Each structure stands twice: as structure tokens, then as C-alpha cells.
C-alpha atoms as a PDB file:
ATOM      1  CA  MET A   1     145.356   0.912-131.348  1.00  0.00           C
ATOM      2  CA  LYS A   2     148.848   1.413-132.774  1.00  0.00           C
ATOM      3  CA  GLU A   3     149.976  -2.073-131.724  1.00  0.00           C
ATOM      4  CA  THR A   4     146.857  -3.626-133.248  1.00  0.00           C
ATOM      5  CA  LEU A   5     147.490  -1.927-136.592  1.00  0.00           C
ATOM      6  CA  LYS A   6     151.111  -3.038-136.503  1.00  0.00           C
ATOM      7  CA  SER A   7     150.060  -6.627-135.788  1.00  0.00           C
ATOM      8  CA  MET A   8     147.497  -6.571-138.584  1.00  0.00           C
ATOM      9  CA  MET A   9     150.082  -5.184-140.999  1.00  0.00           C
ATOM     10  CA  LEU A  10     152.591  -7.913-140.088  1.00  0.00           C
ATOM     11  CA  ILE A  11     149.933 -10.606-140.476  1.00  0.00           C
ATOM     12  CA  GLY A  12     149.045  -9.210-143.906  1.00  0.00           C
ATOM     13  CA  ILE A  13     152.683  -9.210-144.976  1.00  0.00           C
ATOM     14  CA  GLY A  14     153.043 -12.808-143.808  1.00  0.00           C
ATOM     15  CA  ILE A  15     149.939 -13.918-145.682  1.00  0.00           C
ATOM     16  CA  GLY A  16     151.083 -12.114-148.832  1.00  0.00           C
ATOM     17  CA  ALA A  17     154.540 -13.685-148.628  1.00  0.00           C
ATOM     18  CA  SER A  18     153.161 -17.191-148.158  1.00  0.00           C
ATOM     19  CA  VAL A  19     150.729 -16.815-151.076  1.00  0.00           C
ATOM     20  CA  ALA A  20     153.492 -15.456-153.305  1.00  0.00           C
ATOM     21  CA  TYR A  21     155.764 -18.342-152.292  1.00  0.00           C
ATOM     22  CA  GLN A  22     153.102 -20.925-153.111  1.00  0.00           C
ATOM     23  CA  LYS A  23     152.348 -19.336-156.461  1.00  0.00           C
ATOM     24  CA  TYR A  24     155.861 -18.573-157.668  1.00  0.00           C
ATOM     25  CA  SER A  25     158.116 -21.117-155.971  1.00  0.00           C
ATOM     26  CA  LYS A  26     158.141 -23.645-158.833  1.00  0.00           C
ATOM     27  CA  PRO A  27     158.936 -21.201-161.677  1.00  0.00           C
ATOM     28  CA  VAL A  28     161.644 -19.517-159.607  1.00  0.00           C
ATOM     29  CA  MET A  29     163.202 -22.858-158.683  1.00  0.00           C
ATOM     30  CA  LYS A  30     163.213 -23.929-162.351  1.00  0.00           C
ATOM     31  CA  LYS A  31     164.944 -20.693-163.405  1.00  0.00           C
ATOM     32  CA  MET A  32     167.515 -21.030-160.618  1.00  0.00           C
ATOM     33  CA  GLU A  33     168.162 -24.640-161.622  1.00  0.00           C
ATOM     34  CA  LYS A  34     168.693 -23.639-165.269  1.00  0.00           C
ATOM     35  CA  PHE A  35     171.053 -20.842-164.202  1.00  0.00           C
ATOM     36  CA  ALA A  36     173.026 -23.209-161.970  1.00  0.00           C
ATOM     37  CA  ASN A  37     173.295 -25.783-164.755  1.00  0.00           C
ATOM     38  CA  LYS A  38     174.543 -23.169-167.234  1.00  0.00           C
ATOM     39  CA  THR A  39     177.095 -21.872-164.748  1.00  0.00           C
ATOM     40  CA  MET A  40     178.358 -25.361-163.933  1.00  0.00           C
ATOM     41  CA  SER A  41     178.646 -26.170-167.640  1.00  0.00           C
ATOM     42  CA  LYS A  42     180.732 -23.033-168.221  1.00  0.00           C
ATOM     43  CA  VAL A  43     182.991 -23.863-165.285  1.00  0.00           C
ATOM     44  CA  ASN A  44     183.446 -27.436-166.494  1.00  0.00           C
ATOM     45  CA  ASN A  45     184.259 -26.266-170.026  1.00  0.00           C
ATOM     46  CA  ASN A  46     186.824 -23.770-168.718  1.00  0.00           C
ATOM     47  CA  LEU A  47     188.477 -26.440-166.571  1.00  0.00           C
ATOM     48  CA  GLU A  48     188.615 -28.871-169.500  1.00  0.00           C
ATOM     49  CA  GLU A  49     190.187 -26.215-171.725  1.00  0.00           C
ATOM     50  CA  MET A  50     192.821 -25.468-169.078  1.00  0.00           C
ATOM     51  CA  MET A  51     193.850 -29.095-168.903  1.00  0.00           C
END
């Protein structure tokens, strides 16, 4: 009984994670891309100022 409940819980967590990934993957990727672009721009500006 205990192993069955544990298996069901793990299956539920897996299903929840996959649904969340499908729903939120694009917005999260866009935000990460914007953050990376801003960071790279700052680094480039700092390097140009140093030269």
C-alpha cells in the first residue's frame, strides 16, 4: 500500500512538472533571453569603456 501511494505521488509530480513545462516554457525562455541580452550588453559596454 505504501509503495503504491509513493508511486502514485511520483507520477502526479511528473505529470504536474510536464504540464507546467509545456505551459510556461516559452515565457520563461523569453525572460531568460532578455536577461542574457541585457547582461551581455553591459559586459560589452564595460569592455569598450576600458579600452
